[in-house]
Amino acid sequence: MPRYHFNLSDGRDLPDLVGTELSGIAEARLEAIRLTGAVLNESPEDFWDAGSWEMVVTDEGGLILFSLHLLSVDAAAAQPRRSGSG
């Protein structure tokens, strides 16, 4: 089975030196989503402090297969949009 590396960056690089053996790219995409949720759940305040966050998934040779990018944006309070015409 191929080995995938889930490398994080939130202002500091957190490489996945071990990797995870998975059946293929579809399973790696699901694992990336699962890991993203787990990391954000562990310390959501770190995500807001960093402002942006990235997970780059590579194969054993370091080839980038896909990436996830998350961006936090604070917005001023505004009136909600009205539905319908107008």
C-alpha atoms as a PDB file:
ATOM      1  CA  MET A   1       0.000   0.000   0.000  1.00  0.00           C
ATOM      2  CA  PRO A   2       1.208   3.522  -0.700  1.00  0.00           C
ATOM      3  CA  ARG A   3       2.323   5.779   2.163  1.00  0.00           C
ATOM      4  CA  TYR A   4       0.955   9.322   2.407  1.00  0.00           C
ATOM      5  CA  HIS A   5       2.396  12.207   4.418  1.00  0.00           C
ATOM      6  CA  PHE A   6       0.057  14.825   5.920  1.00  0.00           C
ATOM      7  CA  ASN A   7       2.223  17.905   6.424  1.00  0.00           C
ATOM      8  CA  LEU A   8       0.793  20.858   8.350  1.00  0.00           C
ATOM      9  CA  SER A   9       1.695  24.526   8.260  1.00  0.00           C
ATOM     10  CA  ASP A  10       0.142  27.168  10.507  1.00  0.00           C
ATOM     11  CA  GLY A  11       2.962  29.683  10.475  1.00  0.00           C
ATOM     12  CA  ARG A  12       5.340  26.908  11.459  1.00  0.00           C
ATOM     13  CA  ASP A  13       6.046  23.757   9.481  1.00  0.00           C
ATOM     14  CA  LEU A  14       4.923  20.483  11.038  1.00  0.00           C
ATOM     15  CA  PRO A  15       6.090  17.729   8.674  1.00  0.00           C
ATOM     16  CA  ASP A  16       4.656  14.221   8.879  1.00  0.00           C
ATOM     17  CA  LEU A  17       7.892  12.230   8.956  1.00  0.00           C
ATOM     18  CA  VAL A  18       6.242   8.824   9.391  1.00  0.00           C
ATOM     19  CA  GLY A  19       3.272   8.931   7.035  1.00  0.00           C
ATOM     20  CA  THR A  20       0.292   6.612   6.855  1.00  0.00           C
ATOM     21  CA  GLU A  21      -0.274   3.608   4.616  1.00  0.00           C
ATOM     22  CA  LEU A  22      -3.615   3.852   2.831  1.00  0.00           C
ATOM     23  CA  SER A  23      -5.246   2.033  -0.056  1.00  0.00           C
ATOM     24  CA  GLY A  24      -5.172   4.982  -2.456  1.00  0.00           C
ATOM     25  CA  ILE A  25      -5.733   8.673  -3.077  1.00  0.00           C
ATOM     26  CA  ALA A  26      -9.459   8.539  -2.299  1.00  0.00           C
ATOM     27  CA  GLU A  27      -8.739   7.189   1.163  1.00  0.00           C
ATOM     28  CA  ALA A  28      -5.952   9.779   1.585  1.00  0.00           C
ATOM     29  CA  ARG A  29      -8.430  12.577   0.838  1.00  0.00           C
ATOM     30  CA  LEU A  30     -10.817  11.241   3.472  1.00  0.00           C
ATOM     31  CA  GLU A  31      -7.960  10.957   5.962  1.00  0.00           C
ATOM     32  CA  ALA A  32      -6.910  14.553   5.253  1.00  0.00           C
ATOM     33  CA  ILE A  33     -10.423  15.768   6.103  1.00  0.00           C
ATOM     34  CA  ARG A  34     -10.515  13.622   9.247  1.00  0.00           C
ATOM     35  CA  LEU A  35      -7.099  14.859  10.398  1.00  0.00           C
ATOM     36  CA  THR A  36      -8.027  18.470   9.692  1.00  0.00           C
ATOM     37  CA  GLY A  37     -11.096  18.146  11.903  1.00  0.00           C
ATOM     38  CA  ALA A  38      -9.087  16.460  14.661  1.00  0.00           C
ATOM     39  CA  VAL A  39      -6.362  19.118  14.651  1.00  0.00           C
ATOM     40  CA  LEU A  40      -8.885  21.973  14.646  1.00  0.00           C
ATOM     41  CA  ASN A  41     -10.874  20.281  17.404  1.00  0.00           C
ATOM     42  CA  GLU A  42      -7.770  19.911  19.607  1.00  0.00           C
ATOM     43  CA  SER A  43      -6.970  23.625  19.672  1.00  0.00           C
ATOM     44  CA  PRO A  44      -9.373  25.832  17.719  1.00  0.00           C
ATOM     45  CA  GLU A  45      -7.886  28.986  19.243  1.00  0.00           C
ATOM     46  CA  ASP A  46      -4.584  28.243  17.484  1.00  0.00           C
ATOM     47  CA  PHE A  47      -6.371  28.282  14.124  1.00  0.00           C
ATOM     48  CA  TRP A  48      -7.843  31.728  14.811  1.00  0.00           C
ATOM     49  CA  ASP A  49      -4.486  33.019  16.044  1.00  0.00           C
ATOM     50  CA  ALA A  50      -2.649  31.785  12.935  1.00  0.00           C
ATOM     51  CA  GLY A  51      -5.140  33.243  10.444  1.00  0.00           C
ATOM     52  CA  SER A  52      -4.355  30.614   7.823  1.00  0.00           C
ATOM     53  CA  TRP A  53      -3.603  26.936   7.882  1.00  0.00           C
ATOM     54  CA  GLU A  54      -2.545  24.417   5.254  1.00  0.00           C
ATOM     55  CA  MET A  55      -2.223  20.655   4.958  1.00  0.00           C
ATOM     56  CA  VAL A  56      -0.103  19.427   2.069  1.00  0.00           C
ATOM     57  CA  VAL A  57      -0.369  15.724   1.292  1.00  0.00           C
ATOM     58  CA  THR A  58       2.588  14.080  -0.415  1.00  0.00           C
ATOM     59  CA  ASP A  59       3.580  10.625  -1.505  1.00  0.00           C
ATOM     60  CA  GLU A  60       6.679   8.799  -0.225  1.00  0.00           C
ATOM     61  CA  GLY A  61       8.896  10.629  -2.718  1.00  0.00           C
ATOM     62  CA  GLY A  62       7.669  14.073  -1.626  1.00  0.00           C
ATOM     63  CA  LEU A  63       5.438  14.674  -4.660  1.00  0.00           C
ATOM     64  CA  ILE A  64       2.539  16.964  -3.679  1.00  0.00           C
ATOM     65  CA  LEU A  65      -0.728  15.161  -4.403  1.00  0.00           C
ATOM     66  CA  PHE A  66      -3.210  17.695  -3.022  1.00  0.00           C
ATOM     67  CA  SER A  67      -3.595  20.294  -0.311  1.00  0.00           C
ATOM     68  CA  LEU A  68      -6.216  21.801   1.958  1.00  0.00           C
ATOM     69  CA  HIS A  69      -6.188  25.516   2.768  1.00  0.00           C
ATOM     70  CA  LEU A  70      -8.163  27.085   5.605  1.00  0.00           C
ATOM     71  CA  LEU A  71      -8.406  30.805   6.222  1.00  0.00           C
ATOM     72  CA  SER A  72      -9.980  32.580   9.165  1.00  0.00           C
ATOM     73  CA  VAL A  73     -11.436  36.032   8.541  1.00  0.00           C
ATOM     74  CA  ASP A  74     -13.002  38.254  11.159  1.00  0.00           C
ATOM     75  CA  ALA A  75     -15.761  40.410   9.702  1.00  0.00           C
ATOM     76  CA  ALA A  76     -17.544  43.383  11.147  1.00  0.00           C
ATOM     77  CA  ALA A  77     -21.114  42.765  12.237  1.00  0.00           C
ATOM     78  CA  ALA A  78     -23.614  43.458   9.472  1.00  0.00           C
ATOM     79  CA  GLN A  79     -27.312  43.274   8.862  1.00  0.00           C
ATOM     80  CA  PRO A  80     -28.433  39.858   7.630  1.00  0.00           C
ATOM     81  CA  ARG A  81     -29.411  39.552   3.981  1.00  0.00           C
ATOM     82  CA  ARG A  82     -33.109  39.607   3.290  1.00  0.00           C
ATOM     83  CA  SER A  83     -34.529  36.836   1.162  1.00  0.00           C
ATOM     84  CA  GLY A  84     -36.942  37.501  -1.662  1.00  0.00           C
ATOM     85  CA  SER A  85     -37.001  40.459  -4.023  1.00  0.00           C
ATOM     86  CA  GLY A  86     -35.155  43.574  -3.223  1.00  0.00           C
END
